[in-house]
């Protein structure tokens, strides 16, 4: 199979997936449409399957087509990553592409980066912050090497890509108020007493928002509608400090920002915890991933203690 496929065949598959059109893909690749059609027929013949269904509206990947385009994307991105790694080797660096939500990046990445730089060889990192679902999709597509994030299930159920989930630590969430709030100096507050306050919450699909909603439901009340939705924990803390409303963040965000302008509330019931994990593709057996996994595991084991 390796002798029959070429890099331009992988580019062809991705161009068809992205454009959904033989004509548009031919323009992107700067070839004629008959030449592209012939090449696609040869690729499908090599695998003895159909990767795209044709219709008057264009081309649509089959289930096998989604699998092969994912593989093509990973191979091309691996080639690009290898090119960068060769440049890093000249400077004695190992490079890694990591995805994490903002609260992990703010609370843990500075300490983790110190560990990376003390490694031999030292590790350089490209960090992508974002929502968990988006990060999982980028991991599956090969755009990232690994994630440090809570896990919410496979983003592409029909994908042939299996993800490995290795727990690192439990993440605790807390409610926060400004130092002028009426409950700022109260040790424990029933959530039912806060339901009529203004609230600042992360976006509706975030794990923190779901944990907060669960806490309100356990308290027997309907979760309030936020006056502001914001995912970045620093913006969240700043809004709370300005007296805009009550917020909820990971405890690591409070520690990393040293926020003395807000007060932490212990709520009854408590906001459910989530587990942060190191997540990677099961088919990635590279020495680089093994190195990163060990460094991350060592860092978080010391953080827990």
C-alpha atoms as a PDB file:
ATOM      1  CA  UNK A   1       0.000   0.000   0.000  1.00  0.00           C
ATOM      2  CA  UNK A   2       2.787   2.407   0.891  1.00  0.00           C
ATOM      3  CA  UNK A   3       4.354   1.918  -2.549  1.00  0.00           C
ATOM      4  CA  UNK A   4       1.068   2.731  -4.324  1.00  0.00           C
ATOM      5  CA  UNK A   5       0.118   5.907  -2.432  1.00  0.00           C
ATOM      6  CA  UNK A   6       1.815   9.275  -2.791  1.00  0.00           C
ATOM      7  CA  UNK A   7       1.683  12.458  -0.737  1.00  0.00           C
ATOM      8  CA  UNK A   8      -0.383  14.147  -3.412  1.00  0.00           C
ATOM      9  CA  UNK A   9      -2.963  11.354  -3.056  1.00  0.00           C
ATOM     10  CA  UNK A  10      -3.385  12.331   0.603  1.00  0.00           C
ATOM     11  CA  UNK A  11      -3.727  15.989  -0.394  1.00  0.00           C
ATOM     12  CA  UNK A  12      -6.353  14.988  -2.971  1.00  0.00           C
ATOM     13  CA  UNK A  13      -8.474  13.192  -0.360  1.00  0.00           C
ATOM     14  CA  UNK A  14      -8.372  16.181   1.978  1.00  0.00           C
ATOM     15  CA  UNK A  15      -9.172  18.634  -0.808  1.00  0.00           C
ATOM     16  CA  UNK A  16     -12.263  16.602  -1.730  1.00  0.00           C
ATOM     17  CA  UNK A  17     -13.379  16.444   1.904  1.00  0.00           C
ATOM     18  CA  UNK A  18     -12.872  20.179   2.452  1.00  0.00           C
ATOM     19  CA  UNK A  19     -14.434  21.430  -0.808  1.00  0.00           C
ATOM     20  CA  UNK A  20     -17.105  18.756  -1.370  1.00  0.00           C
ATOM     21  CA  UNK A  21     -16.618  19.186  -5.117  1.00  0.00           C
ATOM     22  CA  UNK A  22     -14.480  17.534  -7.811  1.00  0.00           C
ATOM     23  CA  UNK A  23     -14.214  20.818  -9.680  1.00  0.00           C
ATOM     24  CA  UNK A  24     -13.261  22.889  -6.618  1.00  0.00           C
ATOM     25  CA  UNK A  25     -10.757  20.267  -5.443  1.00  0.00           C
ATOM     26  CA  UNK A  26      -9.158  20.221  -8.903  1.00  0.00           C
ATOM     27  CA  UNK A  27      -8.760  24.013  -8.743  1.00  0.00           C
ATOM     28  CA  UNK A  28      -7.188  23.823  -5.281  1.00  0.00           C
ATOM     29  CA  UNK A  29      -4.698  21.177  -6.458  1.00  0.00           C
ATOM     30  CA  UNK A  30      -4.133  22.899  -9.817  1.00  0.00           C
ATOM     31  CA  UNK A  31      -5.011  19.815 -11.871  1.00  0.00           C
ATOM     32  CA  UNK A  32      -7.744  19.088 -14.391  1.00  0.00           C
ATOM     33  CA  UNK A  33     -10.980  17.526 -13.189  1.00  0.00           C
ATOM     34  CA  UNK A  34     -10.542  14.384 -15.364  1.00  0.00           C
ATOM     35  CA  UNK A  35      -7.041  13.902 -13.907  1.00  0.00           C
ATOM     36  CA  UNK A  36      -8.396  14.238 -10.360  1.00  0.00           C
ATOM     37  CA  UNK A  37     -11.248  11.810 -11.065  1.00  0.00           C
ATOM     38  CA  UNK A  38      -8.770   9.275 -12.490  1.00  0.00           C
ATOM     39  CA  UNK A  39      -6.492   9.663  -9.458  1.00  0.00           C
ATOM     40  CA  UNK A  40      -9.411   9.188  -7.040  1.00  0.00           C
ATOM     41  CA  UNK A  41     -10.451   6.043  -8.910  1.00  0.00           C
ATOM     42  CA  UNK A  42      -6.910   4.682  -8.546  1.00  0.00           C
ATOM     43  CA  UNK A  43      -6.811   5.470  -4.791  1.00  0.00           C
ATOM     44  CA  UNK A  44     -10.175   3.772  -4.215  1.00  0.00           C
ATOM     45  CA  UNK A  45      -8.960   0.831  -6.301  1.00  0.00           C
ATOM     46  CA  UNK A  46      -5.876   0.481  -4.112  1.00  0.00           C
ATOM     47  CA  UNK A  47      -8.113   0.159  -1.037  1.00  0.00           C
ATOM     48  CA  UNK A  48     -10.839  -1.740  -2.906  1.00  0.00           C
ATOM     49  CA  UNK A  49     -13.547   0.534  -1.478  1.00  0.00           C
ATOM     50  CA  UNK A  50     -15.462   3.740  -2.188  1.00  0.00           C
ATOM     51  CA  UNK A  51     -14.396   6.837  -0.286  1.00  0.00           C
ATOM     52  CA  UNK A  52     -16.778   9.418  -1.792  1.00  0.00           C
ATOM     53  CA  UNK A  53     -20.316   9.195  -3.148  1.00  0.00           C
ATOM     54  CA  UNK A  54     -20.997  11.401  -6.187  1.00  0.00           C
ATOM     55  CA  UNK A  55     -24.172  13.388  -6.806  1.00  0.00           C
ATOM     56  CA  UNK A  56     -25.246  16.531  -8.653  1.00  0.00           C
ATOM     57  CA  UNK A  57     -24.495  18.511  -5.484  1.00  0.00           C
ATOM     58  CA  UNK A  58     -20.892  17.290  -5.276  1.00  0.00           C
ATOM     59  CA  UNK A  59     -19.071  14.559  -3.364  1.00  0.00           C
ATOM     60  CA  UNK A  60     -19.683  13.287   0.172  1.00  0.00           C
ATOM     61  CA  UNK A  61     -17.293  11.077   2.149  1.00  0.00           C
ATOM     62  CA  UNK A  62     -18.556   7.609   3.039  1.00  0.00           C
ATOM     63  CA  UNK A  63     -17.832   6.101   6.462  1.00  0.00           C
ATOM     64  CA  UNK A  64     -14.640   4.624   4.956  1.00  0.00           C
ATOM     65  CA  UNK A  65     -13.929   8.042   3.457  1.00  0.00           C
ATOM     66  CA  UNK A  66     -14.096   9.736   6.846  1.00  0.00           C
ATOM     67  CA  UNK A  67     -11.652   7.165   8.223  1.00  0.00           C
ATOM     68  CA  UNK A  68      -9.175   7.538   5.355  1.00  0.00           C
ATOM     69  CA  UNK A  69      -9.297  11.357   5.352  1.00  0.00           C
ATOM     70  CA  UNK A  70      -8.616  11.347   9.090  1.00  0.00           C
ATOM     71  CA  UNK A  71      -5.610   9.121   8.443  1.00  0.00           C
ATOM     72  CA  UNK A  72      -4.454  11.345   5.579  1.00  0.00           C
ATOM     73  CA  UNK A  73      -4.717  14.446   7.752  1.00  0.00           C
ATOM     74  CA  UNK A  74      -2.715  12.810  10.541  1.00  0.00           C
ATOM     75  CA  UNK A  75       0.013  11.661   8.119  1.00  0.00           C
ATOM     76  CA  UNK A  76       0.403  15.104   6.558  1.00  0.00           C
ATOM     77  CA  UNK A  77       0.375  16.842   9.942  1.00  0.00           C
ATOM     78  CA  UNK A  78       2.896  14.299  11.241  1.00  0.00           C
ATOM     79  CA  UNK A  79       5.136  15.147   8.294  1.00  0.00           C
ATOM     80  CA  UNK A  80       4.821  18.853   9.116  1.00  0.00           C
ATOM     81  CA  UNK A  81       5.465  18.143  12.803  1.00  0.00           C
ATOM     82  CA  UNK A  82       8.508  16.054  11.887  1.00  0.00           C
ATOM     83  CA  UNK A  83       9.868  18.963   9.876  1.00  0.00           C
ATOM     84  CA  UNK A  84       9.543  21.210  12.945  1.00  0.00           C
ATOM     85  CA  UNK A  85      11.087  18.539  15.182  1.00  0.00           C
ATOM     86  CA  UNK A  86      14.128  18.312  12.906  1.00  0.00           C
ATOM     87  CA  UNK A  87      14.602  22.051  13.370  1.00  0.00           C
ATOM     88  CA  UNK A  88      14.144  21.600  17.126  1.00  0.00           C
ATOM     89  CA  UNK A  89      16.736  18.825  17.235  1.00  0.00           C
ATOM     90  CA  UNK A  90      19.294  21.253  15.841  1.00  0.00           C
ATOM     91  CA  UNK A  91      18.590  23.359  18.943  1.00  0.00           C
ATOM     92  CA  UNK A  92      18.314  20.271  21.207  1.00  0.00           C
ATOM     93  CA  UNK A  93      14.591  20.672  21.801  1.00  0.00           C
ATOM     94  CA  UNK A  94      11.709  18.207  21.632  1.00  0.00           C
ATOM     95  CA  UNK A  95       8.495  19.928  20.534  1.00  0.00           C
ATOM     96  CA  UNK A  96       4.954  19.002  21.561  1.00  0.00           C
ATOM     97  CA  UNK A  97       1.493  20.270  20.607  1.00  0.00           C
ATOM     98  CA  UNK A  98      -0.753  20.295  23.685  1.00  0.00           C
ATOM     99  CA  UNK A  99      -4.406  21.225  24.048  1.00  0.00           C
ATOM    100  CA  UNK A 100      -5.988  22.318  27.332  1.00  0.00           C
ATOM    101  CA  UNK A 101      -8.925  24.420  28.528  1.00  0.00           C
ATOM    102  CA  UNK A 102      -8.060  27.881  29.903  1.00  0.00           C
ATOM    103  CA  UNK A 103      -8.354  26.921  33.584  1.00  0.00           C
ATOM    104  CA  UNK A 104      -5.732  24.182  33.139  1.00  0.00           C
ATOM    105  CA  UNK A 105      -3.458  26.470  31.132  1.00  0.00           C
ATOM    106  CA  UNK A 106      -3.640  29.274  33.723  1.00  0.00           C
ATOM    107  CA  UNK A 107      -3.422  27.060  36.781  1.00  0.00           C
ATOM    108  CA  UNK A 108      -0.889  24.425  35.791  1.00  0.00           C
ATOM    109  CA  UNK A 109       0.946  25.135  32.557  1.00  0.00           C
ATOM    110  CA  UNK A 110       3.561  27.591  33.969  1.00  0.00           C
ATOM    111  CA  UNK A 111       4.728  24.943  36.467  1.00  0.00           C
ATOM    112  CA  UNK A 112       4.547  22.219  33.839  1.00  0.00           C
ATOM    113  CA  UNK A 113       6.619  24.301  31.415  1.00  0.00           C
ATOM    114  CA  UNK A 114       9.384  24.574  34.032  1.00  0.00           C
ATOM    115  CA  UNK A 115       9.445  20.772  34.163  1.00  0.00           C
ATOM    116  CA  UNK A 116       9.579  20.619  30.345  1.00  0.00           C
ATOM    117  CA  UNK A 117      12.574  22.938  30.198  1.00  0.00           C
ATOM    118  CA  UNK A 118      14.442  20.951  32.860  1.00  0.00           C
ATOM    119  CA  UNK A 119      14.049  17.746  30.859  1.00  0.00           C
ATOM    120  CA  UNK A 120      16.892  16.285  28.812  1.00  0.00           C
ATOM    121  CA  UNK A 121      16.346  17.112  26.009  1.00  0.00           C
ATOM    122  CA  UNK A 122      14.272  20.147  26.980  1.00  0.00           C
ATOM    123  CA  UNK A 123      10.720  20.315  25.618  1.00  0.00           C
ATOM    124  CA  UNK A 124       9.257  23.245  23.696  1.00  0.00           C
ATOM    125  CA  UNK A 125       5.470  23.485  23.554  1.00  0.00           C
ATOM    126  CA  UNK A 126       2.773  24.891  21.321  1.00  0.00           C
ATOM    127  CA  UNK A 127      -0.318  25.226  23.511  1.00  0.00           C
ATOM    128  CA  UNK A 128      -3.841  25.476  22.133  1.00  0.00           C
ATOM    129  CA  UNK A 129      -6.520  26.653  24.575  1.00  0.00           C
ATOM    130  CA  UNK A 130     -10.162  25.984  23.869  1.00  0.00           C
ATOM    131  CA  UNK A 131     -13.384  24.143  24.677  1.00  0.00           C
ATOM    132  CA  UNK A 132     -12.991  20.454  25.490  1.00  0.00           C
ATOM    133  CA  UNK A 133     -15.069  19.183  22.539  1.00  0.00           C
ATOM    134  CA  UNK A 134     -13.040  21.279  20.079  1.00  0.00           C
ATOM    135  CA  UNK A 135      -9.761  20.061  21.566  1.00  0.00           C
ATOM    136  CA  UNK A 136     -10.865  16.421  21.321  1.00  0.00           C
ATOM    137  CA  UNK A 137     -11.702  16.883  17.647  1.00  0.00           C
ATOM    138  CA  UNK A 138      -8.288  18.425  16.998  1.00  0.00           C
ATOM    139  CA  UNK A 139      -6.617  15.523  18.786  1.00  0.00           C
ATOM    140  CA  UNK A 140      -8.530  12.977  16.697  1.00  0.00           C
ATOM    141  CA  UNK A 141      -7.635  14.831  13.488  1.00  0.00           C
ATOM    142  CA  UNK A 142      -3.923  14.799  14.384  1.00  0.00           C
ATOM    143  CA  UNK A 143      -3.609  18.552  14.890  1.00  0.00           C
ATOM    144  CA  UNK A 144      -2.550  18.001  18.525  1.00  0.00           C
ATOM    145  CA  UNK A 145      -0.302  15.400  20.157  1.00  0.00           C
ATOM    146  CA  UNK A 146      -2.160  15.183  23.472  1.00  0.00           C
ATOM    147  CA  UNK A 147      -4.583  16.948  25.792  1.00  0.00           C
ATOM    148  CA  UNK A 148      -4.587  17.828  29.483  1.00  0.00           C
ATOM    149  CA  UNK A 149      -8.275  18.247  30.123  1.00  0.00           C
ATOM    150  CA  UNK A 150     -11.429  16.747  31.592  1.00  0.00           C
ATOM    151  CA  UNK A 151     -12.865  14.037  29.355  1.00  0.00           C
ATOM    152  CA  UNK A 152     -16.375  14.261  27.889  1.00  0.00           C
ATOM    153  CA  UNK A 153     -16.473  11.266  25.568  1.00  0.00           C
ATOM    154  CA  UNK A 154     -15.304  10.595  22.026  1.00  0.00           C
ATOM    155  CA  UNK A 155     -16.020  13.594  19.745  1.00  0.00           C
ATOM    156  CA  UNK A 156     -16.360  11.487  16.594  1.00  0.00           C
ATOM    157  CA  UNK A 157     -18.274   8.281  17.451  1.00  0.00           C
ATOM    158  CA  UNK A 158     -17.825   6.746  13.987  1.00  0.00           C
ATOM    159  CA  UNK A 159     -14.082   7.448  13.942  1.00  0.00           C
ATOM    160  CA  UNK A 160     -11.613   4.590  13.976  1.00  0.00           C
ATOM    161  CA  UNK A 161      -9.460   6.644  16.344  1.00  0.00           C
ATOM    162  CA  UNK A 162      -9.411   5.308  19.916  1.00  0.00           C
ATOM    163  CA  UNK A 163      -8.416   7.679  22.696  1.00  0.00           C
ATOM    164  CA  UNK A 164      -6.544   6.734  25.861  1.00  0.00           C
ATOM    165  CA  UNK A 165      -7.539   8.484  29.082  1.00  0.00           C
ATOM    166  CA  UNK A 166      -5.073   8.566  32.014  1.00  0.00           C
ATOM    167  CA  UNK A 167      -6.387  10.452  35.103  1.00  0.00           C
ATOM    168  CA  UNK A 168      -4.087  13.090  36.600  1.00  0.00           C
ATOM    169  CA  UNK A 169      -6.028  14.877  39.342  1.00  0.00           C
ATOM    170  CA  UNK A 170      -9.473  15.876  40.542  1.00  0.00           C
ATOM    171  CA  UNK A 171     -10.443  19.443  39.736  1.00  0.00           C
ATOM    172  CA  UNK A 172     -12.476  21.248  42.403  1.00  0.00           C
ATOM    173  CA  UNK A 173     -14.779  24.138  41.546  1.00  0.00           C
ATOM    174  CA  UNK A 174     -15.774  26.949  43.910  1.00  0.00           C
ATOM    175  CA  UNK A 175     -18.184  29.867  43.872  1.00  0.00           C
ATOM    176  CA  UNK A 176     -16.589  33.307  44.193  1.00  0.00           C
ATOM    177  CA  UNK A 177     -17.993  36.701  45.165  1.00  0.00           C
ATOM    178  CA  UNK A 178     -16.560  40.177  45.475  1.00  0.00           C
ATOM    179  CA  UNK A 179     -15.175  41.131  48.874  1.00  0.00           C
ATOM    180  CA  UNK A 180     -18.135  43.508  49.301  1.00  0.00           C
ATOM    181  CA  UNK A 181     -20.765  40.786  48.760  1.00  0.00           C
ATOM    182  CA  UNK A 182     -23.111  40.088  51.701  1.00  0.00           C
ATOM    183  CA  UNK A 183     -21.819  36.484  51.955  1.00  0.00           C
ATOM    184  CA  UNK A 184     -18.109  37.317  51.515  1.00  0.00           C
ATOM    185  CA  UNK A 185     -17.308  36.391  55.121  1.00  0.00           C
ATOM    186  CA  UNK A 186     -19.732  33.478  55.468  1.00  0.00           C
ATOM    187  CA  UNK A 187     -18.164  30.038  55.916  1.00  0.00           C
ATOM    188  CA  UNK A 188     -20.863  27.947  54.195  1.00  0.00           C
ATOM    189  CA  UNK A 189     -23.764  29.163  52.017  1.00  0.00           C
ATOM    190  CA  UNK A 190     -26.782  27.205  50.830  1.00  0.00           C
ATOM    191  CA  UNK A 191     -27.046  27.488  47.044  1.00  0.00           C
ATOM    192  CA  UNK A 192     -30.756  28.220  47.389  1.00  0.00           C
ATOM    193  CA  UNK A 193     -29.808  31.549  48.979  1.00  0.00           C
ATOM    194  CA  UNK A 194     -27.818  32.506  45.874  1.00  0.00           C
ATOM    195  CA  UNK A 195     -30.261  31.550  43.149  1.00  0.00           C
ATOM    196  CA  UNK A 196     -31.737  35.077  42.838  1.00  0.00           C
ATOM    197  CA  UNK A 197     -28.308  36.783  42.606  1.00  0.00           C
ATOM    198  CA  UNK A 198     -26.718  37.827  39.322  1.00  0.00           C
ATOM    199  CA  UNK A 199     -24.436  35.065  38.054  1.00  0.00           C
ATOM    200  CA  UNK A 200     -21.416  34.973  35.745  1.00  0.00           C
ATOM    201  CA  UNK A 201     -21.019  31.539  34.144  1.00  0.00           C
ATOM    202  CA  UNK A 202     -18.945  29.822  31.477  1.00  0.00           C
ATOM    203  CA  UNK A 203     -20.558  28.851  28.156  1.00  0.00           C
ATOM    204  CA  UNK A 204     -23.441  26.413  28.135  1.00  0.00           C
ATOM    205  CA  UNK A 205     -21.414  23.441  26.810  1.00  0.00           C
ATOM    206  CA  UNK A 206     -18.572  23.722  29.321  1.00  0.00           C
ATOM    207  CA  UNK A 207     -18.044  21.074  31.989  1.00  0.00           C
ATOM    208  CA  UNK A 208     -17.956  23.732  34.707  1.00  0.00           C
ATOM    209  CA  UNK A 209     -21.396  25.014  33.638  1.00  0.00           C
ATOM    210  CA  UNK A 210     -22.764  21.462  33.746  1.00  0.00           C
ATOM    211  CA  UNK A 211     -21.264  20.880  37.210  1.00  0.00           C
ATOM    212  CA  UNK A 212     -22.790  24.141  38.442  1.00  0.00           C
ATOM    213  CA  UNK A 213     -26.196  23.213  37.042  1.00  0.00           C
ATOM    214  CA  UNK A 214     -25.958  19.824  38.757  1.00  0.00           C
ATOM    215  CA  UNK A 215     -25.277  21.536  42.095  1.00  0.00           C
ATOM    216  CA  UNK A 216     -28.369  23.745  41.750  1.00  0.00           C
ATOM    217  CA  UNK A 217     -30.490  20.750  40.793  1.00  0.00           C
ATOM    218  CA  UNK A 218     -29.201  18.859  43.844  1.00  0.00           C
ATOM    219  CA  UNK A 219     -30.243  21.879  45.916  1.00  0.00           C
ATOM    220  CA  UNK A 220     -33.741  21.509  44.480  1.00  0.00           C
ATOM    221  CA  UNK A 221     -33.815  24.782  42.529  1.00  0.00           C
ATOM    222  CA  UNK A 222     -33.712  25.780  38.858  1.00  0.00           C
ATOM    223  CA  UNK A 223     -30.241  27.019  37.814  1.00  0.00           C
ATOM    224  CA  UNK A 224     -30.241  30.804  37.267  1.00  0.00           C
ATOM    225  CA  UNK A 225     -29.703  32.387  33.866  1.00  0.00           C
ATOM    226  CA  UNK A 226     -26.322  34.174  33.786  1.00  0.00           C
ATOM    227  CA  UNK A 227     -26.027  37.889  33.089  1.00  0.00           C
ATOM    228  CA  UNK A 228     -22.595  37.245  31.525  1.00  0.00           C
ATOM    229  CA  UNK A 229     -21.148  34.145  29.862  1.00  0.00           C
ATOM    230  CA  UNK A 230     -17.345  34.007  29.696  1.00  0.00           C
ATOM    231  CA  UNK A 231     -14.961  31.030  29.587  1.00  0.00           C
ATOM    232  CA  UNK A 232     -11.657  32.703  30.389  1.00  0.00           C
ATOM    233  CA  UNK A 233     -11.108  32.344  34.169  1.00  0.00           C
ATOM    234  CA  UNK A 234      -9.150  35.603  34.497  1.00  0.00           C
ATOM    235  CA  UNK A 235     -11.976  37.576  32.871  1.00  0.00           C
ATOM    236  CA  UNK A 236     -14.369  35.661  35.110  1.00  0.00           C
ATOM    237  CA  UNK A 237     -12.495  36.669  38.284  1.00  0.00           C
ATOM    238  CA  UNK A 238     -12.180  40.298  37.147  1.00  0.00           C
ATOM    239  CA  UNK A 239     -15.937  40.538  36.532  1.00  0.00           C
ATOM    240  CA  UNK A 240     -16.681  39.101  39.969  1.00  0.00           C
ATOM    241  CA  UNK A 241     -14.189  41.487  41.612  1.00  0.00           C
ATOM    242  CA  UNK A 242     -15.979  44.398  39.899  1.00  0.00           C
ATOM    243  CA  UNK A 243     -19.226  43.353  41.587  1.00  0.00           C
ATOM    244  CA  UNK A 244     -20.990  42.240  38.392  1.00  0.00           C
ATOM    245  CA  UNK A 245     -22.170  38.998  39.956  1.00  0.00           C
ATOM    246  CA  UNK A 246     -21.330  35.658  41.559  1.00  0.00           C
ATOM    247  CA  UNK A 247     -18.949  33.427  39.623  1.00  0.00           C
ATOM    248  CA  UNK A 248     -17.607  29.897  39.635  1.00  0.00           C
ATOM    249  CA  UNK A 249     -14.047  28.854  38.759  1.00  0.00           C
ATOM    250  CA  UNK A 250     -11.582  26.043  39.329  1.00  0.00           C
ATOM    251  CA  UNK A 251      -9.552  26.410  42.522  1.00  0.00           C
ATOM    252  CA  UNK A 252      -6.375  26.335  40.420  1.00  0.00           C
ATOM    253  CA  UNK A 253      -7.498  29.578  38.747  1.00  0.00           C
ATOM    254  CA  UNK A 254      -7.771  31.293  42.118  1.00  0.00           C
ATOM    255  CA  UNK A 255      -4.284  30.090  43.118  1.00  0.00           C
ATOM    256  CA  UNK A 256      -2.652  31.058  39.813  1.00  0.00           C
ATOM    257  CA  UNK A 257      -4.041  34.603  39.729  1.00  0.00           C
ATOM    258  CA  UNK A 258      -3.589  35.278  43.450  1.00  0.00           C
ATOM    259  CA  UNK A 259      -6.986  36.928  43.363  1.00  0.00           C
ATOM    260  CA  UNK A 260      -7.257  38.876  46.636  1.00  0.00           C
ATOM    261  CA  UNK A 261     -10.175  40.906  45.297  1.00  0.00           C
ATOM    262  CA  UNK A 262     -12.615  37.998  45.494  1.00  0.00           C
ATOM    263  CA  UNK A 263     -13.792  35.716  48.279  1.00  0.00           C
ATOM    264  CA  UNK A 264     -14.295  31.964  47.956  1.00  0.00           C
ATOM    265  CA  UNK A 265     -17.647  30.532  49.063  1.00  0.00           C
ATOM    266  CA  UNK A 266     -18.175  27.008  50.314  1.00  0.00           C
ATOM    267  CA  UNK A 267     -21.583  26.016  49.011  1.00  0.00           C
ATOM    268  CA  UNK A 268     -24.089  23.430  50.161  1.00  0.00           C
ATOM    269  CA  UNK A 269     -24.327  21.226  48.154  1.00  0.00           C
ATOM    270  CA  UNK A 270     -20.789  21.415  46.816  1.00  0.00           C
ATOM    271  CA  UNK A 271     -20.198  21.886  43.090  1.00  0.00           C
ATOM    272  CA  UNK A 272     -19.292  18.439  41.662  1.00  0.00           C
ATOM    273  CA  UNK A 273     -15.644  17.837  40.825  1.00  0.00           C
ATOM    274  CA  UNK A 274     -14.290  16.683  37.468  1.00  0.00           C
ATOM    275  CA  UNK A 275     -11.225  14.601  36.691  1.00  0.00           C
ATOM    276  CA  UNK A 276      -8.448  16.124  34.598  1.00  0.00           C
ATOM    277  CA  UNK A 277      -6.645  13.571  32.461  1.00  0.00           C
ATOM    278  CA  UNK A 278      -3.836  13.157  29.958  1.00  0.00           C
ATOM    279  CA  UNK A 279      -5.533  12.094  26.719  1.00  0.00           C
ATOM    280  CA  UNK A 280      -3.816  10.820  23.581  1.00  0.00           C
ATOM    281  CA  UNK A 281      -4.451   8.665  20.520  1.00  0.00           C
ATOM    282  CA  UNK A 282      -4.057   4.935  21.132  1.00  0.00           C
ATOM    283  CA  UNK A 283      -2.177   4.517  17.853  1.00  0.00           C
ATOM    284  CA  UNK A 284       0.544   7.007  18.872  1.00  0.00           C
ATOM    285  CA  UNK A 285       3.502   4.956  20.143  1.00  0.00           C
ATOM    286  CA  UNK A 286       6.177   7.606  19.634  1.00  0.00           C
ATOM    287  CA  UNK A 287       9.077   8.114  22.035  1.00  0.00           C
ATOM    288  CA  UNK A 288       8.125  11.787  22.195  1.00  0.00           C
ATOM    289  CA  UNK A 289       4.652  11.025  23.520  1.00  0.00           C
ATOM    290  CA  UNK A 290       6.106   8.646  26.118  1.00  0.00           C
ATOM    291  CA  UNK A 291       8.484  11.385  27.297  1.00  0.00           C
ATOM    292  CA  UNK A 292       5.708  13.993  27.540  1.00  0.00           C
ATOM    293  CA  UNK A 293       3.376  11.573  29.301  1.00  0.00           C
ATOM    294  CA  UNK A 294       6.013  10.792  31.945  1.00  0.00           C
ATOM    295  CA  UNK A 295       6.836  14.476  32.509  1.00  0.00           C
ATOM    296  CA  UNK A 296       3.154  15.392  32.853  1.00  0.00           C
ATOM    297  CA  UNK A 297       2.465  12.458  35.181  1.00  0.00           C
ATOM    298  CA  UNK A 298       5.441  13.342  37.413  1.00  0.00           C
ATOM    299  CA  UNK A 299       4.400  16.997  37.607  1.00  0.00           C
ATOM    300  CA  UNK A 300       0.806  16.246  38.602  1.00  0.00           C
ATOM    301  CA  UNK A 301       1.799  13.537  41.088  1.00  0.00           C
ATOM    302  CA  UNK A 302       3.876  16.179  42.915  1.00  0.00           C
ATOM    303  CA  UNK A 303       1.029  18.702  42.604  1.00  0.00           C
ATOM    304  CA  UNK A 304      -1.344  16.290  44.349  1.00  0.00           C
ATOM    305  CA  UNK A 305       1.042  15.851  47.236  1.00  0.00           C
END
